């Protein structure tokens, strides 16, 4: 009587291999999330910079036309001018109102 050695044939992945792959995916996803977490703050910085550039260009255009958003020493009046707009007292743009758009 002869005993045939039964060779173990692998048709798929073992449990250890699957656990290792899942752990590696988890580690890689954590690294990716950490790398992308700074992206939101960079986007906010760029958005704020663009808004500041728009504000500066509008203020320059209003100033060139003879109007000014800024009221010296009065922050509330400056904010009101930014919200409601301001118009030059004379010149070609006398009837034009310069204001920030939302």
Protein backbone atom coordinates (compact mmCIF):
# COMPACT_ATOMS: atom_id res chain seq x y z
CA UNK A 1 0.00 0.00 0.00
CA UNK A 2 1.49 3.25 -1.03
CA UNK A 3 0.60 6.59 0.31
CA UNK A 4 0.36 9.27 -2.25
CA UNK A 5 1.46 12.56 -0.98
CA UNK A 6 -1.29 15.05 -1.34
CA UNK A 7 0.15 18.30 -2.52
CA UNK A 8 -1.71 21.33 -1.41
CA UNK A 9 -2.77 23.30 -4.42
CA UNK A 10 -3.44 27.01 -4.04
CA UNK A 11 -6.37 28.23 -6.09
CA UNK A 12 -6.49 31.67 -4.50
CA UNK A 13 -4.88 33.88 -1.94
CA UNK A 14 -4.34 32.80 1.61
CA UNK A 15 -5.85 34.69 4.51
CA UNK A 16 -2.46 36.10 5.44
CA UNK A 17 -1.90 37.47 1.94
CA UNK A 18 -5.33 39.14 1.92
CA UNK A 19 -4.74 40.71 5.33
CA UNK A 20 -1.36 42.00 4.19
CA UNK A 21 -2.86 43.60 1.08
CA UNK A 22 -5.67 45.21 3.11
CA UNK A 23 -3.15 46.59 5.60
CA UNK A 24 -1.00 48.02 2.78
CA UNK A 25 -4.05 49.66 1.18
CA UNK A 26 -4.93 51.21 4.54
CA UNK A 27 -1.42 52.57 5.02
CA UNK A 28 -1.31 54.00 1.49
CA UNK A 29 -4.73 55.62 1.88
CA UNK A 30 -3.63 57.27 5.14
CA UNK A 31 -0.54 58.63 3.43
CA UNK A 32 -2.65 59.97 0.56
CA UNK A 33 -5.14 61.61 2.94
CA UNK A 34 -2.32 63.23 4.89
CA UNK A 35 -0.77 64.56 1.68
CA UNK A 36 -4.10 65.94 0.43
CA UNK A 37 -5.15 67.51 3.74
CA UNK A 38 -2.96 70.55 3.08
CA UNK A 39 -4.58 71.08 -0.33
CA UNK A 40 -7.75 72.62 1.13
CA UNK A 41 -5.82 75.28 2.97
CA UNK A 42 -3.80 76.05 -0.17
CA UNK A 43 -7.04 76.48 -2.12
CA UNK A 44 -8.35 78.85 0.55
CA UNK A 45 -5.14 80.89 0.40
CA UNK A 46 -5.39 81.15 -3.39
CA UNK A 47 -9.07 82.13 -3.18
CA UNK A 48 -8.35 84.82 -0.59
CA UNK A 49 -5.45 86.12 -2.66
CA UNK A 50 -7.68 86.36 -5.75
CA UNK A 51 -10.36 88.18 -3.76
CA UNK A 52 -7.77 90.63 -2.43
CA UNK A 53 -6.49 91.25 -5.96
CA UNK A 54 -10.04 91.91 -7.16
CA UNK A 55 -10.64 94.30 -4.28
CA UNK A 56 -7.38 96.13 -5.00
CA UNK A 57 -8.13 96.48 -8.70
CA UNK A 58 -11.64 97.78 -7.99
CA UNK A 59 -10.28 100.24 -5.45
CA UNK A 60 -7.69 101.40 -7.99
CA UNK A 61 -10.35 101.82 -10.69
CA UNK A 62 -12.59 103.78 -8.30
CA UNK A 63 -9.69 105.92 -7.18
CA UNK A 64 -8.69 106.66 -10.78
CA UNK A 65 -12.27 107.71 -11.48
CA UNK A 66 -12.29 110.03 -8.46
CA UNK A 67 -14.17 107.84 -5.98
CA UNK A 68 -12.74 106.26 -2.86
CA UNK A 69 -13.93 103.32 -0.79
CA UNK A 70 -11.79 104.24 2.20
CA UNK A 71 -12.99 106.80 4.73
CA UNK A 72 -10.02 107.83 6.87
CA UNK A 73 -10.43 106.82 10.49
CA UNK A 74 -13.94 105.37 10.02
CA UNK A 75 -14.00 101.61 9.53
CA UNK A 76 -17.82 101.43 9.57
CA UNK A 77 -18.12 103.99 6.77
CA UNK A 78 -15.48 102.15 4.74
CA UNK A 79 -17.40 98.89 5.11
CA UNK A 80 -20.62 100.66 4.11
CA UNK A 81 -18.92 102.03 1.00
CA UNK A 82 -17.66 98.57 0.12
CA UNK A 83 -21.14 97.07 0.50
CA UNK A 84 -23.30 99.84 -0.95
CA UNK A 85 -20.81 101.36 -3.35
CA UNK A 86 -19.35 104.78 -3.85
CA UNK A 87 -19.48 107.19 -6.76
CA UNK A 88 -17.08 109.91 -7.86
CA UNK A 89 -18.15 113.50 -7.31
CA UNK A 90 -17.00 114.67 -10.73
CA UNK A 91 -15.46 113.50 -13.96
CA UNK A 92 -16.42 111.05 -16.69
CA UNK A 93 -17.55 108.41 -14.21
CA UNK A 94 -19.71 110.72 -12.10
CA UNK A 95 -22.83 108.59 -12.41
CA UNK A 96 -21.09 105.23 -12.10
CA UNK A 97 -21.28 103.45 -8.74
CA UNK A 98 -18.28 101.36 -7.79
CA UNK A 99 -19.13 98.53 -5.40
CA UNK A 100 -18.09 95.02 -4.58
CA UNK A 101 -20.19 92.30 -6.14
CA UNK A 102 -21.13 89.20 -4.22
